[in-house]
Amino acid sequence: MNNAQQQIERYIAIWNETDPAARRAAIDEVWAEGATYTDPLAAVEGRDAIDAVIAGAQGQFPGLVFRLAGPVDAHHDIVRFTWELGPEGAEAPVVGFDVAVLDEDGRIAKVHGFLDKVPAAA
């Protein structure tokens, strides 16, 4: 469980890392080779594609930060957690729920993401 908590905290930090080289180094440490990421807006495989999705989200939501919105729950190799995306210290306009699968080394092999709250389209 402790490893799962740490990995998810690192996962969230990657979504907030705006330095491309530092973000990619963290992805290489936290994500397994050949990892997949799937949510309603993306379905990608591999660290390069995951890096591109994260960079795209940062470009779409400049100045907003990801944060955990509750405890990390884990059993076996499966981890679930709720996250928020919003301005620092203010209510988040975006809330999501992810399920991650860790590989035998504790790296993230898969993430299945869901969007629970999104702003209405203008």
C-alpha atoms as a PDB file:
ATOM      1  CA  MET A   1       0.000   0.000   0.000  1.00  0.00           C
ATOM      2  CA  ASN A   2       2.799   2.423   0.873  1.00  0.00           C
ATOM      3  CA  ASN A   3       4.390   1.911  -2.538  1.00  0.00           C
ATOM      4  CA  ALA A   4       1.016   2.484  -4.201  1.00  0.00           C
ATOM      5  CA  GLN A   5       0.538   5.763  -2.309  1.00  0.00           C
ATOM      6  CA  GLN A   6       4.012   6.936  -3.284  1.00  0.00           C
ATOM      7  CA  GLN A   7       3.562   5.972  -6.920  1.00  0.00           C
ATOM      8  CA  ILE A   8       0.263   7.827  -7.166  1.00  0.00           C
ATOM      9  CA  GLU A   9       1.734  10.907  -5.497  1.00  0.00           C
ATOM     10  CA  ARG A  10       4.536  10.775  -8.076  1.00  0.00           C
ATOM     11  CA  TYR A  11       1.950  10.210 -10.835  1.00  0.00           C
ATOM     12  CA  ILE A  12       0.074  13.377  -9.804  1.00  0.00           C
ATOM     13  CA  ALA A  13       3.354  15.314  -9.610  1.00  0.00           C
ATOM     14  CA  ILE A  14       4.134  14.293 -13.210  1.00  0.00           C
ATOM     15  CA  TRP A  15       0.861  15.866 -14.386  1.00  0.00           C
ATOM     16  CA  ASN A  16       2.029  19.124 -12.737  1.00  0.00           C
ATOM     17  CA  GLU A  17       5.633  19.028 -14.001  1.00  0.00           C
ATOM     18  CA  THR A  18       5.969  21.694 -16.698  1.00  0.00           C
ATOM     19  CA  ASP A  19       9.675  21.216 -17.438  1.00  0.00           C
ATOM     20  CA  PRO A  20       9.663  18.754 -20.371  1.00  0.00           C
ATOM     21  CA  ALA A  21      12.972  17.081 -19.477  1.00  0.00           C
ATOM     22  CA  ALA A  22      12.087  16.673 -15.798  1.00  0.00           C
ATOM     23  CA  ARG A  23       8.608  15.399 -16.695  1.00  0.00           C
ATOM     24  CA  ARG A  24      10.010  12.827 -19.110  1.00  0.00           C
ATOM     25  CA  ALA A  25      12.612  11.632 -16.577  1.00  0.00           C
ATOM     26  CA  ALA A  26       9.827  11.157 -14.012  1.00  0.00           C
ATOM     27  CA  ILE A  27       7.663   9.301 -16.550  1.00  0.00           C
ATOM     28  CA  ASP A  28      10.553   6.936 -17.255  1.00  0.00           C
ATOM     29  CA  GLU A  29      10.871   6.214 -13.518  1.00  0.00           C
ATOM     30  CA  VAL A  30       7.182   5.867 -12.625  1.00  0.00           C
ATOM     31  CA  TRP A  31       5.633   4.348 -15.762  1.00  0.00           C
ATOM     32  CA  ALA A  32       6.443   0.880 -17.081  1.00  0.00           C
ATOM     33  CA  GLU A  33       7.766   0.524 -20.605  1.00  0.00           C
ATOM     34  CA  GLY A  34       4.793  -0.074 -22.889  1.00  0.00           C
ATOM     35  CA  ALA A  35       2.356   1.383 -20.337  1.00  0.00           C
ATOM     36  CA  THR A  36      -1.100   2.460 -21.442  1.00  0.00           C
ATOM     37  CA  TYR A  37      -3.277   5.419 -20.494  1.00  0.00           C
ATOM     38  CA  THR A  38      -6.976   5.545 -21.339  1.00  0.00           C
ATOM     39  CA  ASP A  39      -9.591   8.155 -20.465  1.00  0.00           C
ATOM     40  CA  PRO A  40     -12.618   9.555 -22.324  1.00  0.00           C
ATOM     41  CA  LEU A  41     -10.355  11.874 -24.339  1.00  0.00           C
ATOM     42  CA  ALA A  42      -7.290   9.711 -24.999  1.00  0.00           C
ATOM     43  CA  ALA A  43      -6.167   6.127 -25.475  1.00  0.00           C
ATOM     44  CA  VAL A  44      -2.390   5.871 -25.822  1.00  0.00           C
ATOM     45  CA  GLU A  45       0.420   3.374 -25.379  1.00  0.00           C
ATOM     46  CA  GLY A  46       4.033   4.028 -24.473  1.00  0.00           C
ATOM     47  CA  ARG A  47       5.903   6.657 -22.505  1.00  0.00           C
ATOM     48  CA  ASP A  48       6.235   9.054 -25.458  1.00  0.00           C
ATOM     49  CA  ALA A  49       2.478   9.083 -26.013  1.00  0.00           C
ATOM     50  CA  ILE A  50       1.765   9.441 -22.281  1.00  0.00           C
ATOM     51  CA  ASP A  51       4.168  12.396 -22.155  1.00  0.00           C
ATOM     52  CA  ALA A  52       2.342  13.974 -25.119  1.00  0.00           C
ATOM     53  CA  VAL A  53      -1.065  13.565 -23.414  1.00  0.00           C
ATOM     54  CA  ILE A  54       0.229  15.213 -20.243  1.00  0.00           C
ATOM     55  CA  ALA A  55       1.822  18.086 -22.191  1.00  0.00           C
ATOM     56  CA  GLY A  56      -1.466  18.528 -24.062  1.00  0.00           C
ATOM     57  CA  ALA A  57      -3.453  18.717 -20.821  1.00  0.00           C
ATOM     58  CA  GLN A  58      -1.040  21.306 -19.462  1.00  0.00           C
ATOM     59  CA  GLY A  59      -1.483  23.369 -22.632  1.00  0.00           C
ATOM     60  CA  GLN A  60      -5.261  23.091 -22.423  1.00  0.00           C
ATOM     61  CA  PHE A  61      -5.407  24.027 -18.720  1.00  0.00           C
ATOM     62  CA  PRO A  62      -2.533  26.475 -18.084  1.00  0.00           C
ATOM     63  CA  GLY A  63      -2.093  27.493 -14.472  1.00  0.00           C
ATOM     64  CA  LEU A  64      -4.304  24.702 -13.105  1.00  0.00           C
ATOM     65  CA  VAL A  65      -2.876  21.991 -10.883  1.00  0.00           C
ATOM     66  CA  PHE A  66      -3.729  18.358 -10.293  1.00  0.00           C
ATOM     67  CA  ARG A  67      -4.117  17.162  -6.703  1.00  0.00           C
ATOM     68  CA  LEU A  68      -5.374  14.087  -4.926  1.00  0.00           C
ATOM     69  CA  ALA A  69      -8.955  14.532  -3.719  1.00  0.00           C
ATOM     70  CA  GLY A  70      -8.980  11.775  -1.140  1.00  0.00           C
ATOM     71  CA  PRO A  71      -7.180   8.660  -0.031  1.00  0.00           C
ATOM     72  CA  VAL A  72      -5.419   6.237  -2.342  1.00  0.00           C
ATOM     73  CA  ASP A  73      -7.007   2.787  -2.086  1.00  0.00           C
ATOM     74  CA  ALA A  74      -5.080  -0.290  -3.199  1.00  0.00           C
ATOM     75  CA  HIS A  75      -5.090  -4.054  -3.143  1.00  0.00           C
ATOM     76  CA  HIS A  76      -2.854  -6.488  -4.965  1.00  0.00           C
ATOM     77  CA  ASP A  77      -1.604  -4.578  -8.003  1.00  0.00           C
ATOM     78  CA  ILE A  78      -4.678  -2.322  -8.404  1.00  0.00           C
ATOM     79  CA  VAL A  79      -4.917   1.272  -7.178  1.00  0.00           C
ATOM     80  CA  ARG A  80      -7.851   3.676  -7.264  1.00  0.00           C
ATOM     81  CA  PHE A  81      -7.950   7.367  -6.442  1.00  0.00           C
ATOM     82  CA  THR A  82      -9.856  10.565  -7.087  1.00  0.00           C
ATOM     83  CA  TRP A  83      -8.095  13.667  -8.348  1.00  0.00           C
ATOM     84  CA  GLU A  84      -8.991  17.287  -8.988  1.00  0.00           C
ATOM     85  CA  LEU A  85      -7.768  19.834 -11.512  1.00  0.00           C
ATOM     86  CA  GLY A  86      -8.153  23.467 -10.615  1.00  0.00           C
ATOM     87  CA  PRO A  87      -6.538  26.670  -9.445  1.00  0.00           C
ATOM     88  CA  GLU A  88      -4.296  26.365  -6.396  1.00  0.00           C
ATOM     89  CA  GLY A  89      -6.367  26.849  -3.231  1.00  0.00           C
ATOM     90  CA  ALA A  90      -9.715  27.095  -5.030  1.00  0.00           C
ATOM     91  CA  GLU A  91     -12.551  24.791  -6.025  1.00  0.00           C
ATOM     92  CA  ALA A  92     -11.628  22.482  -8.878  1.00  0.00           C
ATOM     93  CA  PRO A  93     -13.750  22.680 -12.043  1.00  0.00           C
ATOM     94  CA  VAL A  94     -12.571  19.197 -13.104  1.00  0.00           C
ATOM     95  CA  VAL A  95     -12.727  16.026 -10.979  1.00  0.00           C
ATOM     96  CA  GLY A  96     -11.765  12.562 -12.083  1.00  0.00           C
ATOM     97  CA  PHE A  97     -11.349   9.018 -10.832  1.00  0.00           C
ATOM     98  CA  ASP A  98      -8.509   6.769 -11.984  1.00  0.00           C
ATOM     99  CA  VAL A  99      -7.744   3.093 -11.616  1.00  0.00           C
ATOM    100  CA  ALA A 100      -4.087   2.177 -12.062  1.00  0.00           C
ATOM    101  CA  VAL A 101      -2.478  -1.229 -12.428  1.00  0.00           C
ATOM    102  CA  LEU A 102       1.087  -1.634 -11.176  1.00  0.00           C
ATOM    103  CA  ASP A 103       3.551  -4.087 -12.683  1.00  0.00           C
ATOM    104  CA  GLU A 104       5.720  -6.506 -10.703  1.00  0.00           C
ATOM    105  CA  ASP A 105       8.286  -3.723 -10.147  1.00  0.00           C
ATOM    106  CA  GLY A 106       5.664  -1.323  -8.774  1.00  0.00           C
ATOM    107  CA  ARG A 107       5.643   0.862 -11.892  1.00  0.00           C
ATOM    108  CA  ILE A 108       2.387   2.031 -13.430  1.00  0.00           C
ATOM    109  CA  ALA A 109       1.474  -0.316 -16.272  1.00  0.00           C
ATOM    110  CA  LYS A 110      -2.060   0.925 -16.998  1.00  0.00           C
ATOM    111  CA  VAL A 111      -4.286   3.818 -16.059  1.00  0.00           C
ATOM    112  CA  HIS A 112      -8.020   3.832 -16.714  1.00  0.00           C
ATOM    113  CA  GLY A 113      -9.371   7.339 -16.163  1.00  0.00           C
ATOM    114  CA  PHE A 114     -12.893   8.652 -15.743  1.00  0.00           C
ATOM    115  CA  LEU A 115     -14.142  12.247 -15.688  1.00  0.00           C
ATOM    116  CA  ASP A 116     -16.688  12.828 -12.941  1.00  0.00           C
ATOM    117  CA  LYS A 117     -17.031  16.613 -13.214  1.00  0.00           C
ATOM    118  CA  VAL A 118     -16.183  18.793 -16.203  1.00  0.00           C
ATOM    119  CA  PRO A 119     -17.057  22.402 -16.993  1.00  0.00           C
ATOM    120  CA  ALA A 120     -19.968  22.963 -19.348  1.00  0.00           C
ATOM    121  CA  ALA A 121     -18.865  23.743 -22.889  1.00  0.00           C
ATOM    122  CA  ALA A 122     -19.131  27.407 -23.736  1.00  0.00           C
END
